[in-house]
Amino acid sequence: MMASLFDIVIAILLLGGAFLALVAALGLFRLPDLFTRMHASSKAGTAGSGLLLLGVAMQSGEIEVWIKCLLTIGFFVLTAPVAAHLLAKAAVRAGAKLPSNDGENTN
């Protein structure tokens, strides 16, 4: 009984991570400007990667894999916001228009 519950939790983590990775990929193609695309890829991509890595760690059950997955999740959580901020700063310096507050696209 516990093994099947454990497998269900792993499946939910893997499917949730895959769904968030798909949302991040769709956000890159469907959102209107650089800043919203960057937000989608950094937030949903980090969460999706984290869930996938957590599911992999639970599936393996080995302490070495757990350590590597947790360190990788920590790396993603620490570096994704910094990378998104630096990309936004570089885009503004390069002349990208900030989105307007009235909801219209300024491209």
PDB file of N, CA and C in Angstrom:
ATOM      1  N   MET A   1       0.817  -1.193   0.000  1.00  0.00           N
ATOM      2  CA  MET A   1       0.000   0.000   0.000  1.00  0.00           C
ATOM      3  C   MET A   1       0.865   1.262   0.000  1.00  0.00           C
ATOM      4  N   MET A   2       1.902   1.277   0.844  1.00  0.00           N
ATOM      5  CA  MET A   2       2.763   2.452   0.930  1.00  0.00           C
ATOM      6  C   MET A   2       3.592   2.623  -0.344  1.00  0.00           C
ATOM      7  N   ALA A   3       3.959   1.499  -0.966  1.00  0.00           N
ATOM      8  CA  ALA A   3       4.747   1.586  -2.197  1.00  0.00           C
ATOM      9  C   ALA A   3       3.928   2.218  -3.314  1.00  0.00           C
ATOM     10  N   SER A   4       2.664   1.878  -3.398  1.00  0.00           N
ATOM     11  CA  SER A   4       1.837   2.467  -4.447  1.00  0.00           C
ATOM     12  C   SER A   4       1.565   3.944  -4.166  1.00  0.00           C
ATOM     13  N   LEU A   5       1.414   4.327  -2.902  1.00  0.00           N
ATOM     14  CA  LEU A   5       1.248   5.737  -2.552  1.00  0.00           C
ATOM     15  C   LEU A   5       2.515   6.518  -2.886  1.00  0.00           C
ATOM     16  N   PHE A   6       3.655   5.927  -2.611  1.00  0.00           N
ATOM     17  CA  PHE A   6       4.945   6.532  -2.935  1.00  0.00           C
ATOM     18  C   PHE A   6       5.084   6.729  -4.442  1.00  0.00           C
ATOM     19  N   ASP A   7       4.678   5.733  -5.213  1.00  0.00           N
ATOM     20  CA  ASP A   7       4.725   5.844  -6.669  1.00  0.00           C
ATOM     21  C   ASP A   7       3.772   6.921  -7.188  1.00  0.00           C
ATOM     22  N   ILE A   8       2.630   7.079  -6.555  1.00  0.00           N
ATOM     23  CA  ILE A   8       1.680   8.119  -6.956  1.00  0.00           C
ATOM     24  C   ILE A   8       2.261   9.500  -6.695  1.00  0.00           C
ATOM     25  N   VAL A   9       2.915   9.680  -5.549  1.00  0.00           N
ATOM     26  CA  VAL A   9       3.546  10.969  -5.231  1.00  0.00           C
ATOM     27  C   VAL A   9       4.643  11.282  -6.257  1.00  0.00           C
ATOM     28  N   ILE A  10       5.442  10.298  -6.599  1.00  0.00           N
ATOM     29  CA  ILE A  10       6.498  10.493  -7.598  1.00  0.00           C
ATOM     30  C   ILE A  10       5.893  10.862  -8.943  1.00  0.00           C
ATOM     31  N   ALA A  11       4.827  10.173  -9.332  1.00  0.00           N
ATOM     32  CA  ALA A  11       4.177  10.474 -10.609  1.00  0.00           C
ATOM     33  C   ALA A  11       3.613  11.889 -10.621  1.00  0.00           C
ATOM     34  N   ILE A  12       3.031  12.323  -9.504  1.00  0.00           N
ATOM     35  CA  ILE A  12       2.487  13.687  -9.421  1.00  0.00           C
ATOM     36  C   ILE A  12       3.609  14.712  -9.542  1.00  0.00           C
ATOM     37  N   LEU A  13       4.727  14.459  -8.872  1.00  0.00           N
ATOM     38  CA  LEU A  13       5.869  15.383  -8.975  1.00  0.00           C
ATOM     39  C   LEU A  13       6.391  15.465 -10.409  1.00  0.00           C
ATOM     40  N   LEU A  14       6.546  14.324 -11.050  1.00  0.00           N
ATOM     41  CA  LEU A  14       7.076  14.315 -12.418  1.00  0.00           C
ATOM     42  C   LEU A  14       6.106  14.962 -13.400  1.00  0.00           C
ATOM     43  N   LEU A  15       4.828  14.660 -13.264  1.00  0.00           N
ATOM     44  CA  LEU A  15       3.832  15.267 -14.159  1.00  0.00           C
ATOM     45  C   LEU A  15       3.691  16.763 -13.902  1.00  0.00           C
ATOM     46  N   GLY A  16       3.740  17.157 -12.640  1.00  0.00           N
ATOM     47  CA  GLY A  16       3.682  18.579 -12.315  1.00  0.00           C
ATOM     48  C   GLY A  16       4.887  19.332 -12.856  1.00  0.00           C
ATOM     49  N   GLY A  17       6.062  18.745 -12.725  1.00  0.00           N
ATOM     50  CA  GLY A  17       7.264  19.367 -13.262  1.00  0.00           C
ATOM     51  C   GLY A  17       7.231  19.463 -14.775  1.00  0.00           C
ATOM     52  N   ALA A  18       6.757  18.411 -15.430  1.00  0.00           N
ATOM     53  CA  ALA A  18       6.650  18.439 -16.887  1.00  0.00           C
ATOM     54  C   ALA A  18       5.636  19.480 -17.337  1.00  0.00           C
ATOM     55  N   PHE A  19       4.524  19.605 -16.599  1.00  0.00           N
ATOM     56  CA  PHE A  19       3.515  20.608 -16.942  1.00  0.00           C
ATOM     57  C   PHE A  19       4.083  22.022 -16.802  1.00  0.00           C
ATOM     58  N   LEU A  20       4.801  22.287 -15.721  1.00  0.00           N
ATOM     59  CA  LEU A  20       5.379  23.621 -15.542  1.00  0.00           C
ATOM     60  C   LEU A  20       6.456  23.916 -16.585  1.00  0.00           C
ATOM     61  N   ALA A  21       7.211  22.913 -16.977  1.00  0.00           N
ATOM     62  CA  ALA A  21       8.195  23.118 -18.054  1.00  0.00           C
ATOM     63  C   ALA A  21       7.482  23.430 -19.365  1.00  0.00           C
ATOM     64  N   LEU A  22       6.362  22.772 -19.611  1.00  0.00           N
ATOM     65  CA  LEU A  22       5.569  23.068 -20.805  1.00  0.00           C
ATOM     66  C   LEU A  22       5.006  24.486 -20.752  1.00  0.00           C
ATOM     67  N   VAL A  23       4.525  24.909 -19.588  1.00  0.00           N
ATOM     68  CA  VAL A  23       4.011  26.270 -19.429  1.00  0.00           C
ATOM     69  C   VAL A  23       5.126  27.287 -19.697  1.00  0.00           C
ATOM     70  N   ALA A  24       6.317  27.019 -19.204  1.00  0.00           N
ATOM     71  CA  ALA A  24       7.441  27.927 -19.450  1.00  0.00           C
ATOM     72  C   ALA A  24       7.771  28.000 -20.937  1.00  0.00           C
ATOM     73  N   ALA A  25       7.750  26.860 -21.613  1.00  0.00           N
ATOM     74  CA  ALA A  25       8.033  26.853 -23.048  1.00  0.00           C
ATOM     75  C   ALA A  25       6.948  27.580 -23.836  1.00  0.00           C
ATOM     76  N   LEU A  26       5.698  27.349 -23.475  1.00  0.00           N
ATOM     77  CA  LEU A  26       4.606  28.055 -24.153  1.00  0.00           C
ATOM     78  C   LEU A  26       4.662  29.557 -23.883  1.00  0.00           C
ATOM     79  N   GLY A  27       5.068  29.924 -22.677  1.00  0.00           N
ATOM     80  CA  GLY A  27       5.202  31.332 -22.346  1.00  0.00           C
ATOM     81  C   GLY A  27       6.236  32.032 -23.203  1.00  0.00           C
ATOM     82  N   LEU A  28       7.290  31.322 -23.546  1.00  0.00           N
ATOM     83  CA  LEU A  28       8.318  31.914 -24.410  1.00  0.00           C
ATOM     84  C   LEU A  28       7.779  32.218 -25.801  1.00  0.00           C
ATOM     85  N   PHE A  29       6.860  31.411 -26.272  1.00  0.00           N
ATOM     86  CA  PHE A  29       6.335  31.597 -27.623  1.00  0.00           C
ATOM     87  C   PHE A  29       5.100  32.485 -27.673  1.00  0.00           C
ATOM     88  N   ARG A  30       4.273  32.458 -26.632  1.00  0.00           N
ATOM     89  CA  ARG A  30       2.969  33.106 -26.706  1.00  0.00           C
ATOM     90  C   ARG A  30       2.896  34.490 -26.069  1.00  0.00           C
ATOM     91  N   LEU A  31       3.757  34.798 -25.127  1.00  0.00           N
ATOM     92  CA  LEU A  31       3.648  36.080 -24.435  1.00  0.00           C
ATOM     93  C   LEU A  31       4.181  37.212 -25.305  1.00  0.00           C
ATOM     94  N   PRO A  32       3.664  38.435 -25.109  1.00  0.00           N
ATOM     95  CA  PRO A  32       3.888  39.496 -26.087  1.00  0.00           C
ATOM     96  C   PRO A  32       5.251  40.178 -26.064  1.00  0.00           C
ATOM     97  N   ASP A  33       5.892  40.312 -24.904  1.00  0.00           N
ATOM     98  CA  ASP A  33       7.135  41.072 -24.893  1.00  0.00           C
ATOM     99  C   ASP A  33       8.228  40.344 -24.111  1.00  0.00           C
ATOM    100  N   LEU A  34       9.407  40.885 -24.184  1.00  0.00           N
ATOM    101  CA  LEU A  34      10.589  40.267 -23.579  1.00  0.00           C
ATOM    102  C   LEU A  34      10.418  40.047 -22.088  1.00  0.00           C
ATOM    103  N   PHE A  35       9.863  41.016 -21.396  1.00  0.00           N
ATOM    104  CA  PHE A  35       9.820  40.953 -19.944  1.00  0.00           C
ATOM    105  C   PHE A  35       8.827  39.904 -19.444  1.00  0.00           C
ATOM    106  N   THR A  36       7.699  39.761 -20.089  1.00  0.00           N
ATOM    107  CA  THR A  36       6.761  38.720 -19.679  1.00  0.00           C
ATOM    108  C   THR A  36       7.275  37.334 -20.081  1.00  0.00           C
ATOM    109  N   ARG A  37       7.947  37.247 -21.194  1.00  0.00           N
ATOM    110  CA  ARG A  37       8.560  35.969 -21.586  1.00  0.00           C
ATOM    111  C   ARG A  37       9.626  35.555 -20.583  1.00  0.00           C
ATOM    112  N   MET A  38      10.426  36.517 -20.179  1.00  0.00           N
ATOM    113  CA  MET A  38      11.487  36.242 -19.221  1.00  0.00           C
ATOM    114  C   MET A  38      10.902  35.799 -17.885  1.00  0.00           C
ATOM    115  N   HIS A  39       9.819  36.413 -17.474  1.00  0.00           N
ATOM    116  CA  HIS A  39       9.164  36.046 -16.224  1.00  0.00           C
ATOM    117  C   HIS A  39       8.642  34.609 -16.291  1.00  0.00           C
ATOM    118  N   ALA A  40       8.003  34.267 -17.394  1.00  0.00           N
ATOM    119  CA  ALA A  40       7.461  32.912 -17.539  1.00  0.00           C
ATOM    120  C   ALA A  40       8.563  31.871 -17.520  1.00  0.00           C
ATOM    121  N   SER A  41       9.638  32.143 -18.232  1.00  0.00           N
ATOM    122  CA  SER A  41      10.696  31.142 -18.303  1.00  0.00           C
ATOM    123  C   SER A  41      11.437  31.003 -16.983  1.00  0.00           C
ATOM    124  N   SER A  42      11.635  32.099 -16.257  1.00  0.00           N
ATOM    125  CA  SER A  42      12.389  31.990 -15.017  1.00  0.00           C
ATOM    126  C   SER A  42      11.549  31.374 -13.894  1.00  0.00           C
ATOM    127  N   LYS A  43      10.292  31.750 -13.777  1.00  0.00           N
ATOM    128  CA  LYS A  43       9.469  31.224 -12.680  1.00  0.00           C
ATOM    129  C   LYS A  43       9.010  29.792 -12.944  1.00  0.00           C
ATOM    130  N   ALA A  44       8.337  29.586 -14.054  1.00  0.00           N
ATOM    131  CA  ALA A  44       7.798  28.255 -14.335  1.00  0.00           C
ATOM    132  C   ALA A  44       8.920  27.259 -14.639  1.00  0.00           C
ATOM    133  N   GLY A  45       9.969  27.727 -15.289  1.00  0.00           N
ATOM    134  CA  GLY A  45      11.090  26.832 -15.581  1.00  0.00           C
ATOM    135  C   GLY A  45      11.788  26.355 -14.324  1.00  0.00           C
ATOM    136  N   THR A  46      11.996  27.252 -13.366  1.00  0.00           N
ATOM    137  CA  THR A  46      12.638  26.876 -12.110  1.00  0.00           C
ATOM    138  C   THR A  46      11.758  25.930 -11.305  1.00  0.00           C
ATOM    139  N   ALA A  47      10.480  26.240 -11.215  1.00  0.00           N
ATOM    140  CA  ALA A  47       9.568  25.365 -10.465  1.00  0.00           C
ATOM    141  C   ALA A  47       9.445  23.995 -11.131  1.00  0.00           C
ATOM    142  N   GLY A  48       9.360  23.974 -12.460  1.00  0.00           N
ATOM    143  CA  GLY A  48       9.266  22.702 -13.172  1.00  0.00           C
ATOM    144  C   GLY A  48      10.513  21.856 -13.009  1.00  0.00           C
ATOM    145  N   SER A  49      11.664  22.485 -13.118  1.00  0.00           N
ATOM    146  CA  SER A  49      12.919  21.754 -12.925  1.00  0.00           C
ATOM    147  C   SER A  49      13.025  21.221 -11.502  1.00  0.00           C
ATOM    148  N   GLY A  50      12.603  22.029 -10.542  1.00  0.00           N
ATOM    149  CA  GLY A  50      12.659  21.590  -9.155  1.00  0.00           C
ATOM    150  C   GLY A  50      11.775  20.386  -8.885  1.00  0.00           C
ATOM    151  N   LEU A  51      10.556  20.415  -9.417  1.00  0.00           N
ATOM    152  CA  LEU A  51       9.666  19.269  -9.218  1.00  0.00           C
ATOM    153  C   LEU A  51      10.193  18.019  -9.910  1.00  0.00           C
ATOM    154  N   LEU A  52      10.722  18.188 -11.111  1.00  0.00           N
ATOM    155  CA  LEU A  52      11.278  17.024 -11.812  1.00  0.00           C
ATOM    156  C   LEU A  52      12.469  16.433 -11.053  1.00  0.00           C
ATOM    157  N   LEU A  53      13.348  17.296 -10.569  1.00  0.00           N
ATOM    158  CA  LEU A  53      14.508  16.800  -9.820  1.00  0.00           C
ATOM    159  C   LEU A  53      14.089  16.146  -8.506  1.00  0.00           C
ATOM    160  N   LEU A  54      13.080  16.700  -7.854  1.00  0.00           N
ATOM    161  CA  LEU A  54      12.596  16.088  -6.621  1.00  0.00           C
ATOM    162  C   LEU A  54      11.984  14.710  -6.893  1.00  0.00           C
ATOM    163  N   GLY A  55      11.253  14.592  -7.988  1.00  0.00           N
ATOM    164  CA  GLY A  55      10.699  13.294  -8.365  1.00  0.00           C
ATOM    165  C   GLY A  55      11.784  12.277  -8.693  1.00  0.00           C
ATOM    166  N   VAL A  56      12.825  12.723  -9.382  1.00  0.00           N
ATOM    167  CA  VAL A  56      13.946  11.825  -9.701  1.00  0.00           C
ATOM    168  C   VAL A  56      14.646  11.370  -8.425  1.00  0.00           C
ATOM    169  N   ALA A  57      14.857  12.303  -7.495  1.00  0.00           N
ATOM    170  CA  ALA A  57      15.519  11.940  -6.242  1.00  0.00           C
ATOM    171  C   ALA A  57      14.691  10.934  -5.454  1.00  0.00           C
ATOM    172  N   MET A  58      13.380  11.136  -5.405  1.00  0.00           N
ATOM    173  CA  MET A  58      12.523  10.196  -4.680  1.00  0.00           C
ATOM    174  C   MET A  58      12.505   8.831  -5.352  1.00  0.00           C
ATOM    175  N   GLN A  59      12.523   8.820  -6.665  1.00  0.00           N
ATOM    176  CA  GLN A  59      12.488   7.551  -7.389  1.00  0.00           C
ATOM    177  C   GLN A  59      13.765   6.746  -7.163  1.00  0.00           C
ATOM    178  N   SER A  60      14.909   7.435  -7.143  1.00  0.00           N
ATOM    179  CA  SER A  60      16.175   6.709  -7.003  1.00  0.00           C
ATOM    180  C   SER A  60      16.365   6.179  -5.589  1.00  0.00           C
ATOM    181  N   GLY A  61      16.076   7.005  -4.600  1.00  0.00           N
ATOM    182  CA  GLY A  61      16.237   6.573  -3.224  1.00  0.00           C
ATOM    183  C   GLY A  61      17.672   6.534  -2.732  1.00  0.00           C
ATOM    184  N   GLU A  62      18.621   6.911  -3.544  1.00  0.00           N
ATOM    185  CA  GLU A  62      20.029   6.906  -3.143  1.00  0.00           C
ATOM    186  C   GLU A  62      20.410   8.268  -2.603  1.00  0.00           C
ATOM    187  N   ILE A  63      21.212   8.281  -1.552  1.00  0.00           N
ATOM    188  CA  ILE A  63      21.575   9.530  -0.891  1.00  0.00           C
ATOM    189  C   ILE A  63      22.415  10.428  -1.806  1.00  0.00           C
ATOM    190  N   GLU A  64      23.256   9.834  -2.646  1.00  0.00           N
ATOM    191  CA  GLU A  64      24.071  10.636  -3.558  1.00  0.00           C
ATOM    192  C   GLU A  64      23.202  11.391  -4.564  1.00  0.00           C
ATOM    193  N   VAL A  65      22.171  10.718  -5.052  1.00  0.00           N
ATOM    194  CA  VAL A  65      21.259  11.348  -6.000  1.00  0.00           C
ATOM    195  C   VAL A  65      20.462  12.443  -5.298  1.00  0.00           C
ATOM    196  N   TRP A  66      20.036  12.198  -4.059  1.00  0.00           N
ATOM    197  CA  TRP A  66      19.317  13.221  -3.290  1.00  0.00           C
ATOM    198  C   TRP A  66      20.176  14.471  -3.123  1.00  0.00           C
ATOM    199  N   ILE A  67      21.431  14.282  -2.760  1.00  0.00           N
ATOM    200  CA  ILE A  67      22.319  15.425  -2.548  1.00  0.00           C
ATOM    201  C   ILE A  67      22.501  16.214  -3.840  1.00  0.00           C
ATOM    202  N   LYS A  68      22.751  15.509  -4.932  1.00  0.00           N
ATOM    203  CA  LYS A  68      22.936  16.194  -6.215  1.00  0.00           C
ATOM    204  C   LYS A  68      21.674  16.938  -6.646  1.00  0.00           C
ATOM    205  N   CYS A  69      20.524  16.303  -6.483  1.00  0.00           N
ATOM    206  CA  CYS A  69      19.265  16.944  -6.884  1.00  0.00           C
ATOM    207  C   CYS A  69      18.963  18.162  -6.015  1.00  0.00           C
ATOM    208  N   LEU A  70      19.167  18.046  -4.707  1.00  0.00           N
ATOM    209  CA  LEU A  70      18.906  19.189  -3.829  1.00  0.00           C
ATOM    210  C   LEU A  70      19.873  20.336  -4.088  1.00  0.00           C
ATOM    211  N   LEU A  71      21.123  20.025  -4.363  1.00  0.00           N
ATOM    212  CA  LEU A  71      22.082  21.080  -4.701  1.00  0.00           C
ATOM    213  C   LEU A  71      21.719  21.749  -6.023  1.00  0.00           C
ATOM    214  N   THR A  72      21.261  20.960  -6.966  1.00  0.00           N
ATOM    215  CA  THR A  72      20.854  21.525  -8.255  1.00  0.00           C
ATOM    216  C   THR A  72      19.613  22.398  -8.110  1.00  0.00           C
ATOM    217  N   ILE A  73      18.653  21.964  -7.307  1.00  0.00           N
ATOM    218  CA  ILE A  73      17.464  22.782  -7.054  1.00  0.00           C
ATOM    219  C   ILE A  73      17.865  24.096  -6.399  1.00  0.00           C
ATOM    220  N   GLY A  74      18.753  24.028  -5.412  1.00  0.00           N
ATOM    221  CA  GLY A  74      19.243  25.250  -4.767  1.00  0.00           C
ATOM    222  C   GLY A  74      19.945  26.168  -5.741  1.00  0.00           C
ATOM    223  N   PHE A  75      20.730  25.595  -6.640  1.00  0.00           N
ATOM    224  CA  PHE A  75      21.412  26.390  -7.654  1.00  0.00           C
ATOM    225  C   PHE A  75      20.404  27.099  -8.556  1.00  0.00           C
ATOM    226  N   PHE A  76      19.380  26.379  -9.003  1.00  0.00           N
ATOM    227  CA  PHE A  76      18.343  26.994  -9.844  1.00  0.00           C
ATOM    228  C   PHE A  76      17.619  28.121  -9.113  1.00  0.00           C
ATOM    229  N   VAL A  77      17.263  27.872  -7.861  1.00  0.00           N
ATOM    230  CA  VAL A  77      16.515  28.868  -7.097  1.00  0.00           C
ATOM    231  C   VAL A  77      17.358  30.123  -6.860  1.00  0.00           C
ATOM    232  N   LEU A  78      18.650  29.954  -6.674  1.00  0.00           N
ATOM    233  CA  LEU A  78      19.513  31.111  -6.440  1.00  0.00           C
ATOM    234  C   LEU A  78      19.896  31.848  -7.716  1.00  0.00           C
ATOM    235  N   THR A  79      20.055  31.143  -8.823  1.00  0.00           N
ATOM    236  CA  THR A  79      20.575  31.796 -10.026  1.00  0.00           C
ATOM    237  C   THR A  79      19.508  32.268 -11.003  1.00  0.00           C
ATOM    238  N   ALA A  80      18.347  31.669 -11.031  1.00  0.00           N
ATOM    239  CA  ALA A  80      17.317  32.077 -11.997  1.00  0.00           C
ATOM    240  C   ALA A  80      16.854  33.525 -11.791  1.00  0.00           C
ATOM    241  N   PRO A  81      16.578  33.968 -10.571  1.00  0.00           N
ATOM    242  CA  PRO A  81      16.180  35.370 -10.412  1.00  0.00           C
ATOM    243  C   PRO A  81      17.291  36.350 -10.783  1.00  0.00           C
ATOM    244  N   VAL A  82      18.515  36.002 -10.452  1.00  0.00           N
ATOM    245  CA  VAL A  82      19.643  36.876 -10.791  1.00  0.00           C
ATOM    246  C   VAL A  82      19.815  36.965 -12.303  1.00  0.00           C
ATOM    247  N   ALA A  83      19.715  35.830 -12.977  1.00  0.00           N
ATOM    248  CA  ALA A  83      19.842  35.827 -14.437  1.00  0.00           C
ATOM    249  C   ALA A  83      18.712  36.616 -15.092  1.00  0.00           C
ATOM    250  N   ALA A  84      17.496  36.466 -14.591  1.00  0.00           N
ATOM    251  CA  ALA A  84      16.363  37.209 -15.148  1.00  0.00           C
ATOM    252  C   ALA A  84      16.546  38.708 -14.932  1.00  0.00           C
ATOM    253  N   HIS A  85      17.025  39.094 -13.765  1.00  0.00           N
ATOM    254  CA  HIS A  85      17.259  40.506 -13.491  1.00  0.00           C
ATOM    255  C   HIS A  85      18.330  41.079 -14.414  1.00  0.00           C
ATOM    256  N   LEU A  86      19.412  40.348 -14.602  1.00  0.00           N
ATOM    257  CA  LEU A  86      20.482  40.836 -15.476  1.00  0.00           C
ATOM    258  C   LEU A  86      20.032  40.905 -16.935  1.00  0.00           C
ATOM    259  N   LEU A  87      19.225  39.951 -17.365  1.00  0.00           N
ATOM    260  CA  LEU A  87      18.692  40.008 -18.729  1.00  0.00           C
ATOM    261  C   LEU A  87      17.773  41.213 -18.915  1.00  0.00           C
ATOM    262  N   ALA A  88      16.938  41.493 -17.928  1.00  0.00           N
ATOM    263  CA  ALA A  88      16.054  42.652 -18.017  1.00  0.00           C
ATOM    264  C   ALA A  88      16.855  43.945 -18.028  1.00  0.00           C
ATOM    265  N   LYS A  89      17.870  44.015 -17.204  1.00  0.00           N
ATOM    266  CA  LYS A  89      18.710  45.216 -17.148  1.00  0.00           C
ATOM    267  C   LYS A  89      19.433  45.427 -18.477  1.00  0.00           C
ATOM    268  N   ALA A  90      19.956  44.355 -19.055  1.00  0.00           N
ATOM    269  CA  ALA A  90      20.631  44.463 -20.348  1.00  0.00           C
ATOM    270  C   ALA A  90      19.654  44.849 -21.452  1.00  0.00           C
ATOM    271  N   ALA A  91      18.429  44.332 -21.377  1.00  0.00           N
ATOM    272  CA  ALA A  91      17.430  44.670 -22.396  1.00  0.00           C
ATOM    273  C   ALA A  91      17.052  46.144 -22.323  1.00  0.00           C
ATOM    274  N   VAL A  92      16.900  46.669 -21.120  1.00  0.00           N
ATOM    275  CA  VAL A  92      16.567  48.084 -20.971  1.00  0.00           C
ATOM    276  C   VAL A  92      17.708  48.953 -21.485  1.00  0.00           C
ATOM    277  N   ARG A  93      18.932  48.567 -21.165  1.00  0.00           N
ATOM    278  CA  ARG A  93      20.084  49.330 -21.662  1.00  0.00           C
ATOM    279  C   ARG A  93      20.213  49.262 -23.179  1.00  0.00           C
ATOM    280  N   ALA A  94      19.769  48.162 -23.765  1.00  0.00           N
ATOM    281  CA  ALA A  94      19.839  48.012 -25.224  1.00  0.00           C
ATOM    282  C   ALA A  94      18.691  48.717 -25.925  1.00  0.00           C
ATOM    283  N   GLY A  95      17.749  49.247 -25.156  1.00  0.00           N
ATOM    284  CA  GLY A  95      16.667  50.012 -25.763  1.00  0.00           C
ATOM    285  C   GLY A  95      15.331  49.317 -25.856  1.00  0.00           C
ATOM    286  N   ALA A  96      15.158  48.201 -25.179  1.00  0.00           N
ATOM    287  CA  ALA A  96      13.854  47.529 -25.194  1.00  0.00           C
ATOM    288  C   ALA A  96      12.844  48.398 -24.456  1.00  0.00           C
ATOM    289  N   LYS A  97      11.670  48.487 -25.012  1.00  0.00           N
ATOM    290  CA  LYS A  97      10.618  49.298 -24.407  1.00  0.00           C
ATOM    291  C   LYS A  97       9.973  48.535 -23.255  1.00  0.00           C
ATOM    292  N   LEU A  98       9.751  49.240 -22.167  1.00  0.00           N
ATOM    293  CA  LEU A  98       9.029  48.653 -21.046  1.00  0.00           C
ATOM    294  C   LEU A  98       7.556  48.562 -21.401  1.00  0.00           C
ATOM    295  N   PRO A  99       6.857  47.538 -20.931  1.00  0.00           N
ATOM    296  CA  PRO A  99       5.423  47.438 -21.234  1.00  0.00           C
ATOM    297  C   PRO A  99       4.655  48.577 -20.591  1.00  0.00           C
ATOM    298  N   SER A 100       3.610  49.041 -21.272  1.00  0.00           N
ATOM    299  CA  SER A 100       2.801  50.121 -20.738  1.00  0.00           C
ATOM    300  C   SER A 100       1.849  49.591 -19.693  1.00  0.00           C
ATOM    301  N   ASN A 101       1.324  50.476 -18.877  1.00  0.00           N
ATOM    302  CA  ASN A 101       0.412  50.079 -17.811  1.00  0.00           C
ATOM    303  C   ASN A 101      -1.012  49.871 -18.275  1.00  0.00           C
ATOM    304  N   ASP A 102      -1.353  50.280 -19.490  1.00  0.00           N
ATOM    305  CA  ASP A 102      -2.732  50.163 -19.963  1.00  0.00           C
ATOM    306  C   ASP A 102      -3.020  48.827 -20.628  1.00  0.00           C
ATOM    307  N   GLY A 103      -2.056  47.911 -20.596  1.00  0.00           N
ATOM    308  CA  GLY A 103      -2.288  46.584 -21.143  1.00  0.00           C
ATOM    309  C   GLY A 103      -1.993  46.428 -22.610  1.00  0.00           C
ATOM    310  N   GLU A 104      -1.617  47.505 -23.291  1.00  0.00           N
ATOM    311  CA  GLU A 104      -1.303  47.405 -24.708  1.00  0.00           C
ATOM    312  C   GLU A 104       0.161  47.034 -24.891  1.00  0.00           C
ATOM    313  N   ASN A 105       0.424  46.342 -25.965  1.00  0.00           N
ATOM    314  CA  ASN A 105       1.786  45.961 -26.283  1.00  0.00           C
ATOM    315  C   ASN A 105       2.513  47.153 -26.921  1.00  0.00           C
ATOM    316  N   THR A 106       3.753  47.401 -26.478  1.00  0.00           N
ATOM    317  CA  THR A 106       4.493  48.560 -26.957  1.00  0.00           C
ATOM    318  C   THR A 106       5.541  48.196 -28.010  1.00  0.00           C
ATOM    319  N   ASN A 107       5.431  47.038 -28.617  1.00  0.00           N
ATOM    320  CA  ASN A 107       6.429  46.624 -29.615  1.00  0.00           C
ATOM    321  C   ASN A 107       6.402  47.463 -30.834  1.00  0.00           C
TER     322      ASN A 107
END
